Amino acid sequence: MCEVFKCLSVNREEESRKKIRQLQKQIAGVKQNRDSELQQRREMIAHLKDQLQEMKAKTSMEGKYVKKVCDVSVAQTQKRCVMSERALLNEIEVWLHAEYGMTE
């Protein structure tokens, strides 16, 4: 009878060892999957950071361009206004001179 219990005990021990090896393999597989996912996430984060830097640089350049365009537009408008004002003052002077013989 003792022999039977020894055989049962040995069988249980072998089954336990097989189960432990199987669980260790599962753990290794899960760890490998997790590590792979982490690496993919890190790569995605790095890619998104690069895109963010590019967008910031592009936005900055576009902002500078828009500011320059607006500055040029304002300067041109001011110049046209000054020229129109001068032309009107000249017309007034000519009219006053013609009407009343007045000059500055």
N, C-alpha and C. Protein backbone atom coordinates (compact mmCIF):
# COMPACT_ATOMS: atom_id res chain seq x y z
N MET A 1 0.78 -1.19 0.00
CA MET A 1 0.00 0.00 0.00
C MET A 1 0.83 1.27 0.00
N CYS A 2 1.89 1.17 0.66
CA CYS A 2 2.82 2.28 0.72
C CYS A 2 3.33 2.60 -0.68
N GLU A 3 3.53 1.57 -1.46
CA GLU A 3 3.98 1.75 -2.83
C GLU A 3 2.95 2.53 -3.64
N VAL A 4 1.70 2.27 -3.43
CA VAL A 4 0.63 2.94 -4.16
C VAL A 4 0.63 4.42 -3.80
N PHE A 5 0.77 4.72 -2.54
CA PHE A 5 0.80 6.12 -2.12
C PHE A 5 2.03 6.83 -2.67
N LYS A 6 3.16 6.11 -2.75
CA LYS A 6 4.36 6.68 -3.33
C LYS A 6 4.14 7.01 -4.80
N CYS A 7 3.52 6.10 -5.51
CA CYS A 7 3.22 6.32 -6.94
C CYS A 7 2.28 7.50 -7.11
N LEU A 8 1.25 7.55 -6.27
CA LEU A 8 0.31 8.68 -6.35
C LEU A 8 1.03 9.99 -6.03
N SER A 9 1.86 9.96 -5.05
CA SER A 9 2.60 11.15 -4.65
C SER A 9 3.55 11.59 -5.76
N VAL A 10 4.22 10.63 -6.39
CA VAL A 10 5.13 10.94 -7.49
C VAL A 10 4.34 11.50 -8.67
N ASN A 11 3.20 10.93 -8.97
CA ASN A 11 2.36 11.40 -10.07
C ASN A 11 1.88 12.83 -9.81
N ARG A 12 1.45 13.07 -8.58
CA ARG A 12 1.00 14.41 -8.23
C ARG A 12 2.14 15.41 -8.36
N GLU A 13 3.31 14.99 -7.92
CA GLU A 13 4.48 15.86 -8.00
C GLU A 13 4.82 16.17 -9.46
N GLU A 14 4.77 15.18 -10.32
CA GLU A 14 5.04 15.39 -11.74
C GLU A 14 3.99 16.31 -12.36
N GLU A 15 2.75 16.08 -12.02
CA GLU A 15 1.68 16.94 -12.54
C GLU A 15 1.86 18.38 -12.06
N SER A 16 2.25 18.51 -10.81
CA SER A 16 2.48 19.85 -10.25
C SER A 16 3.63 20.54 -10.98
N ARG A 17 4.69 19.80 -11.24
CA ARG A 17 5.83 20.37 -11.96
C ARG A 17 5.44 20.78 -13.37
N LYS A 18 4.65 19.94 -14.03
CA LYS A 18 4.18 20.26 -15.39
C LYS A 18 3.31 21.52 -15.35
N LYS A 19 2.45 21.58 -14.36
CA LYS A 19 1.56 22.75 -14.23
C LYS A 19 2.39 24.00 -13.96
N ILE A 20 3.42 23.87 -13.11
CA ILE A 20 4.29 25.02 -12.82
C ILE A 20 5.01 25.48 -14.08
N ARG A 21 5.54 24.54 -14.86
CA ARG A 21 6.22 24.90 -16.12
C ARG A 21 5.25 25.58 -17.08
N GLN A 22 4.04 25.04 -17.15
CA GLN A 22 3.03 25.62 -18.04
C GLN A 22 2.69 27.05 -17.59
N LEU A 23 2.51 27.23 -16.30
CA LEU A 23 2.21 28.57 -15.78
C LEU A 23 3.39 29.52 -15.98
N GLN A 24 4.61 29.04 -15.83
CA GLN A 24 5.78 29.87 -16.08
C GLN A 24 5.86 30.30 -17.54
N LYS A 25 5.51 29.38 -18.44
CA LYS A 25 5.48 29.73 -19.87
C LYS A 25 4.42 30.78 -20.13
N GLN A 26 3.25 30.63 -19.51
CA GLN A 26 2.18 31.61 -19.68
C GLN A 26 2.62 32.97 -19.16
N ILE A 27 3.28 32.96 -18.00
CA ILE A 27 3.77 34.22 -17.43
C ILE A 27 4.79 34.86 -18.37
N ALA A 28 5.68 34.07 -18.92
CA ALA A 28 6.68 34.59 -19.85
C ALA A 28 6.01 35.17 -21.09
N GLY A 29 4.99 34.48 -21.59
CA GLY A 29 4.26 34.99 -22.76
C GLY A 29 3.55 36.29 -22.46
N VAL A 30 2.91 36.36 -21.31
CA VAL A 30 2.21 37.60 -20.92
C VAL A 30 3.22 38.73 -20.76
N LYS A 31 4.36 38.44 -20.13
CA LYS A 31 5.40 39.46 -19.94
C LYS A 31 5.93 39.94 -21.29
N GLN A 32 6.14 39.01 -22.21
CA GLN A 32 6.64 39.38 -23.53
C GLN A 32 5.62 40.26 -24.25
N ASN A 33 4.34 39.90 -24.18
CA ASN A 33 3.29 40.72 -24.80
C ASN A 33 3.25 42.12 -24.17
N ARG A 34 3.33 42.16 -22.85
CA ARG A 34 3.30 43.45 -22.15
C ARG A 34 4.49 44.30 -22.56
N ASP A 35 5.67 43.70 -22.61
CA ASP A 35 6.87 44.44 -23.01
C ASP A 35 6.75 44.96 -24.44
N SER A 36 6.19 44.13 -25.31
CA SER A 36 5.99 44.54 -26.70
C SER A 36 5.02 45.71 -26.78
N GLU A 37 3.93 45.63 -26.03
CA GLU A 37 2.96 46.72 -26.02
C GLU A 37 3.57 47.99 -25.46
N LEU A 38 4.36 47.87 -24.41
CA LEU A 38 5.02 49.05 -23.84
C LEU A 38 5.96 49.69 -24.86
N GLN A 39 6.70 48.87 -25.58
CA GLN A 39 7.62 49.41 -26.59
C GLN A 39 6.84 50.13 -27.69
N GLN A 40 5.73 49.54 -28.13
CA GLN A 40 4.90 50.20 -29.14
C GLN A 40 4.36 51.53 -28.63
N ARG A 41 3.95 51.56 -27.37
CA ARG A 41 3.43 52.80 -26.79
C ARG A 41 4.53 53.85 -26.70
N ARG A 42 5.71 53.42 -26.29
CA ARG A 42 6.83 54.37 -26.22
C ARG A 42 7.14 54.95 -27.59
N GLU A 43 7.13 54.09 -28.61
CA GLU A 43 7.39 54.56 -29.97
C GLU A 43 6.30 55.53 -30.42
N MET A 44 5.04 55.22 -30.08
CA MET A 44 3.94 56.11 -30.45
C MET A 44 4.07 57.45 -29.73
N ILE A 45 4.45 57.42 -28.46
CA ILE A 45 4.64 58.66 -27.71
C ILE A 45 5.74 59.49 -28.34
N ALA A 46 6.84 58.85 -28.70
CA ALA A 46 7.96 59.57 -29.34
C ALA A 46 7.51 60.18 -30.67
N HIS A 47 6.74 59.42 -31.43
CA HIS A 47 6.24 59.91 -32.72
C HIS A 47 5.32 61.11 -32.50
N LEU A 48 4.42 61.01 -31.53
CA LEU A 48 3.49 62.11 -31.26
C LEU A 48 4.23 63.35 -30.75
N LYS A 49 5.28 63.15 -29.96
CA LYS A 49 6.08 64.28 -29.50
C LYS A 49 6.75 64.98 -30.68
N ASP A 50 7.26 64.18 -31.62
CA ASP A 50 7.87 64.77 -32.83
C ASP A 50 6.84 65.58 -33.61
N GLN A 51 5.65 65.00 -33.76
CA GLN A 51 4.60 65.72 -34.48
C GLN A 51 4.24 67.02 -33.77
N LEU A 52 4.17 66.97 -32.45
CA LEU A 52 3.84 68.17 -31.68
C LEU A 52 4.90 69.25 -31.89
N GLN A 53 6.17 68.87 -31.87
CA GLN A 53 7.25 69.84 -32.09
C GLN A 53 7.14 70.45 -33.49
N GLU A 54 6.84 69.60 -34.49
CA GLU A 54 6.69 70.10 -35.86
C GLU A 54 5.52 71.08 -35.94
N MET A 55 4.42 70.73 -35.28
CA MET A 55 3.24 71.61 -35.30
C MET A 55 3.54 72.94 -34.61
N LYS A 56 4.27 72.89 -33.50
CA LYS A 56 4.63 74.13 -32.80
C LYS A 56 5.49 75.01 -33.69
N ALA A 57 6.48 74.40 -34.35
CA ALA A 57 7.37 75.16 -35.23
C ALA A 57 6.58 75.75 -36.40
N LYS A 58 5.70 74.95 -36.98
CA LYS A 58 4.89 75.41 -38.12
C LYS A 58 3.97 76.55 -37.69
N THR A 59 3.33 76.40 -36.53
CA THR A 59 2.43 77.42 -36.03
C THR A 59 3.19 78.71 -35.76
N SER A 60 4.37 78.59 -35.20
CA SER A 60 5.19 79.76 -34.92
C SER A 60 5.55 80.49 -36.22
N MET A 61 5.98 79.73 -37.22
CA MET A 61 6.34 80.33 -38.51
C MET A 61 5.12 80.99 -39.15
N GLU A 62 3.98 80.31 -39.10
CA GLU A 62 2.77 80.88 -39.69
C GLU A 62 2.37 82.16 -38.96
N GLY A 63 2.50 82.16 -37.63
CA GLY A 63 2.18 83.36 -36.85
C GLY A 63 3.06 84.53 -37.24
N LYS A 64 4.37 84.26 -37.40
CA LYS A 64 5.30 85.31 -37.81
C LYS A 64 4.95 85.82 -39.20
N TYR A 65 4.60 84.90 -40.09
CA TYR A 65 4.24 85.29 -41.46
C TYR A 65 3.00 86.17 -41.47
N VAL A 66 1.98 85.75 -40.71
CA VAL A 66 0.73 86.53 -40.66
C VAL A 66 1.01 87.91 -40.08
N LYS A 67 1.84 87.99 -39.04
CA LYS A 67 2.17 89.29 -38.45
C LYS A 67 2.86 90.19 -39.47
N LYS A 68 3.81 89.62 -40.22
CA LYS A 68 4.51 90.42 -41.22
C LYS A 68 3.55 90.90 -42.31
N VAL A 69 2.67 90.00 -42.75
CA VAL A 69 1.70 90.38 -43.78
C VAL A 69 0.80 91.50 -43.27
N CYS A 70 0.36 91.37 -42.02
CA CYS A 70 -0.51 92.41 -41.45
C CYS A 70 0.24 93.73 -41.30
N ASP A 71 1.50 93.65 -40.86
CA ASP A 71 2.30 94.87 -40.73
C ASP A 71 2.47 95.56 -42.08
N VAL A 72 2.74 94.79 -43.12
CA VAL A 72 2.90 95.36 -44.47
C VAL A 72 1.58 95.98 -44.93
N SER A 73 0.49 95.29 -44.67
CA SER A 73 -0.83 95.80 -45.08
C SER A 73 -1.14 97.12 -44.37
N VAL A 74 -0.86 97.17 -43.08
CA VAL A 74 -1.10 98.41 -42.31
C VAL A 74 -0.22 99.53 -42.85
N ALA A 75 1.04 99.22 -43.12
CA ALA A 75 1.97 100.24 -43.64
C ALA A 75 1.50 100.75 -45.00
N GLN A 76 1.05 99.84 -45.86
CA GLN A 76 0.56 100.26 -47.18
C GLN A 76 -0.69 101.13 -47.05
N THR A 77 -1.59 100.74 -46.15
CA THR A 77 -2.82 101.51 -45.94
C THR A 77 -2.47 102.90 -45.41
N GLN A 78 -1.54 102.95 -44.45
CA GLN A 78 -1.13 104.25 -43.92
C GLN A 78 -0.52 105.13 -45.00
N LYS A 79 0.31 104.51 -45.84
CA LYS A 79 0.95 105.27 -46.92
C LYS A 79 -0.10 105.81 -47.89
N ARG A 80 -1.09 104.97 -48.24
CA ARG A 80 -2.16 105.44 -49.14
C ARG A 80 -2.94 106.58 -48.49
N CYS A 81 -3.20 106.47 -47.18
CA CYS A 81 -3.94 107.52 -46.49
C CYS A 81 -3.14 108.83 -46.49
N VAL A 82 -1.85 108.73 -46.23
CA VAL A 82 -1.00 109.93 -46.23
C VAL A 82 -0.98 110.55 -47.62
N MET A 83 -0.87 109.70 -48.65
CA MET A 83 -0.86 110.22 -50.01
C MET A 83 -2.20 110.86 -50.36
N SER A 84 -3.30 110.24 -49.95
CA SER A 84 -4.62 110.81 -50.21
C SER A 84 -4.78 112.13 -49.47
N GLU A 85 -4.30 112.18 -48.24
CA GLU A 85 -4.40 113.42 -47.46
C GLU A 85 -3.62 114.54 -48.13
N ARG A 86 -2.42 114.21 -48.60
CA ARG A 86 -1.61 115.22 -49.30
C ARG A 86 -2.31 115.71 -50.56
N ALA A 87 -2.88 114.75 -51.30
CA ALA A 87 -3.58 115.13 -52.54
C ALA A 87 -4.77 116.04 -52.21
N LEU A 88 -5.52 115.71 -51.16
CA LEU A 88 -6.65 116.54 -50.78
C LEU A 88 -6.20 117.93 -50.31
N LEU A 89 -5.11 117.98 -49.53
CA LEU A 89 -4.59 119.28 -49.10
C LEU A 89 -4.14 120.10 -50.30
N ASN A 90 -3.53 119.43 -51.27
CA ASN A 90 -3.13 120.16 -52.49
C ASN A 90 -4.35 120.67 -53.23
N GLU A 91 -5.40 119.86 -53.33
CA GLU A 91 -6.63 120.31 -53.99
C GLU A 91 -7.23 121.50 -53.26
N ILE A 92 -7.25 121.42 -51.93
CA ILE A 92 -7.80 122.53 -51.14
C ILE A 92 -6.97 123.79 -51.36
N GLU A 93 -5.67 123.63 -51.37
CA GLU A 93 -4.79 124.78 -51.59
C GLU A 93 -5.02 125.39 -52.96
N VAL A 94 -5.13 124.53 -53.97
CA VAL A 94 -5.39 125.02 -55.33
C VAL A 94 -6.75 125.71 -55.37
N TRP A 95 -7.74 125.14 -54.75
CA TRP A 95 -9.09 125.73 -54.75
C TRP A 95 -9.09 127.07 -54.02
N LEU A 96 -8.43 127.13 -52.83
CA LEU A 96 -8.37 128.39 -52.08
C LEU A 96 -7.63 129.45 -52.89
N HIS A 97 -6.56 129.05 -53.53
CA HIS A 97 -5.80 129.99 -54.32
C HIS A 97 -6.64 130.50 -55.49
N ALA A 98 -7.37 129.59 -56.11
CA ALA A 98 -8.20 129.99 -57.25
C ALA A 98 -9.38 130.84 -56.80
N GLU A 99 -9.98 130.48 -55.68
CA GLU A 99 -11.19 131.16 -55.20
C GLU A 99 -10.85 132.49 -54.56
N TYR A 100 -9.88 132.48 -53.71
CA TYR A 100 -9.62 133.67 -52.89
C TYR A 100 -8.22 134.26 -53.08
N GLY A 101 -7.46 133.63 -53.90
CA GLY A 101 -6.12 134.11 -54.11
C GLY A 101 -5.25 133.92 -52.87
N MET A 102 -5.60 132.90 -52.08
CA MET A 102 -4.89 132.64 -50.83
C MET A 102 -3.84 131.56 -51.02
N THR A 103 -2.78 131.71 -50.32
CA THR A 103 -1.76 130.68 -50.26
C THR A 103 -1.32 130.56 -48.82
N GLU A 104 -0.59 129.57 -48.53
CA GLU A 104 -0.15 129.34 -47.16
C GLU A 104 0.82 130.35 -46.73
